[in-house]
Amino acid sequence: MALPYPLNRGINILVPVLFILTGTTFGLYTFLHLLFVERKPSLAFNYSHWRDQSFTRIWTWFGPLVAKADLATVPSLAGVAEGGVLDLGYA
């Protein structure tokens, strides 16, 4: 269902803002968790470790939501697919 122009435009503007806020929130949470809960300041200030931990937290939270949304989309797409199909997924 297509949304009317003003509503669609508003959503298109909000989506990047939500991604930035989500990344910032999970990043800050990860930093504070490493610093104060795990008491590992060397890991909190290690960018590679912090990035991996932050991404893991984000994907653990969003992964099930994305998978649930894909359950409705994938079967309908697979039914009309032609040619070579590459399925990238997780188990």
Protein backbone atom coordinates (compact mmCIF):
# COMPACT_ATOMS: atom_id res chain seq x y z
CA MET A 1 0.00 0.00 0.00
CA ALA A 2 1.44 3.35 -1.04
CA LEU A 3 1.33 6.12 1.50
CA PRO A 4 0.26 9.67 0.57
CA TYR A 5 3.14 11.97 -0.34
CA PRO A 6 3.50 14.03 2.86
CA LEU A 7 3.39 10.93 5.08
CA ASN A 8 5.78 9.01 2.84
CA ARG A 9 8.19 11.96 2.81
CA GLY A 10 8.06 12.21 6.61
CA ILE A 11 8.85 8.53 7.02
CA ASN A 12 11.73 8.78 4.53
CA ILE A 13 13.22 11.58 6.60
CA LEU A 14 12.77 9.76 9.93
CA VAL A 15 14.31 6.42 8.93
CA PRO A 16 17.94 7.65 8.77
CA VAL A 17 17.44 9.57 12.02
CA LEU A 18 16.17 6.40 13.71
CA PHE A 19 19.18 4.43 12.43
CA ILE A 20 21.57 7.05 13.79
CA LEU A 21 19.79 7.18 17.17
CA THR A 22 19.72 3.39 17.41
CA GLY A 23 23.42 3.08 16.58
CA THR A 24 24.30 5.82 19.03
CA THR A 25 22.19 4.28 21.79
CA PHE A 26 23.61 0.79 21.39
CA GLY A 27 27.14 2.16 21.00
CA LEU A 28 26.90 4.20 24.19
CA TYR A 29 25.31 1.30 26.05
CA THR A 30 28.10 -1.02 24.90
CA PHE A 31 30.80 1.47 25.92
CA LEU A 32 29.30 1.99 29.37
CA HIS A 33 28.72 -1.74 29.85
CA LEU A 34 32.34 -2.54 29.00
CA LEU A 35 33.60 0.28 31.21
CA PHE A 36 31.45 -0.08 34.33
CA VAL A 37 29.82 -3.53 34.33
CA GLU A 38 32.57 -5.68 32.83
CA ARG A 39 35.23 -3.29 34.20
CA LYS A 40 37.39 -3.65 31.11
CA PRO A 41 38.39 -0.12 30.09
CA SER A 42 41.00 -1.46 27.67
CA LEU A 43 38.19 -3.15 25.70
CA ALA A 44 35.89 -0.14 25.98
CA PHE A 45 38.53 2.03 24.29
CA ASN A 46 39.50 -0.65 21.74
CA TYR A 47 37.55 0.42 18.66
CA SER A 48 37.49 -3.02 17.00
CA HIS A 49 36.21 -4.76 20.11
CA TRP A 50 33.68 -2.02 20.88
CA ARG A 51 32.40 -2.04 17.27
CA ASP A 52 31.99 -5.84 17.25
CA GLN A 53 30.22 -5.84 20.62
CA SER A 54 27.95 -2.97 19.61
CA PHE A 55 27.01 -4.63 16.31
CA THR A 56 26.32 -7.90 18.11
CA ARG A 57 23.96 -6.13 20.51
CA ILE A 58 22.15 -4.35 17.67
CA TRP A 59 21.76 -7.50 15.58
CA THR A 60 20.65 -9.58 18.58
CA TRP A 61 17.87 -7.07 19.13
CA PHE A 62 16.88 -6.39 15.50
CA GLY A 63 17.59 -9.83 14.00
CA PRO A 64 14.39 -11.53 15.16
CA LEU A 65 12.33 -8.53 13.98
CA VAL A 66 13.91 -8.68 10.52
CA ALA A 67 13.51 -12.46 10.33
CA LYS A 68 9.82 -12.19 11.24
CA ALA A 69 9.29 -9.56 8.52
CA ASP A 70 11.10 -11.76 5.97
CA LEU A 71 8.83 -14.72 6.67
CA ALA A 72 6.03 -12.91 4.86
CA THR A 73 8.21 -11.68 1.97
CA VAL A 74 10.51 -14.57 1.04
CA PRO A 75 7.92 -17.22 0.05
CA SER A 76 6.15 -14.85 -2.33
CA LEU A 77 9.45 -13.83 -3.94
CA ALA A 78 10.71 -17.39 -4.18
CA GLY A 79 7.53 -18.41 -5.98
CA VAL A 80 8.22 -16.02 -8.88
CA ALA A 81 12.03 -16.22 -9.01
CA GLU A 82 13.61 -17.16 -12.31
CA GLY A 83 17.15 -17.98 -13.33
CA GLY A 84 19.93 -18.41 -10.80
CA VAL A 85 18.96 -17.62 -7.24
CA LEU A 86 21.52 -17.05 -4.51
CA ASP A 87 20.15 -17.48 -1.00
CA LEU A 88 22.18 -15.81 1.73
CA GLY A 89 20.86 -16.56 5.15
CA TYR A 90 21.65 -17.75 8.60
CA ALA A 91 20.74 -20.81 10.57
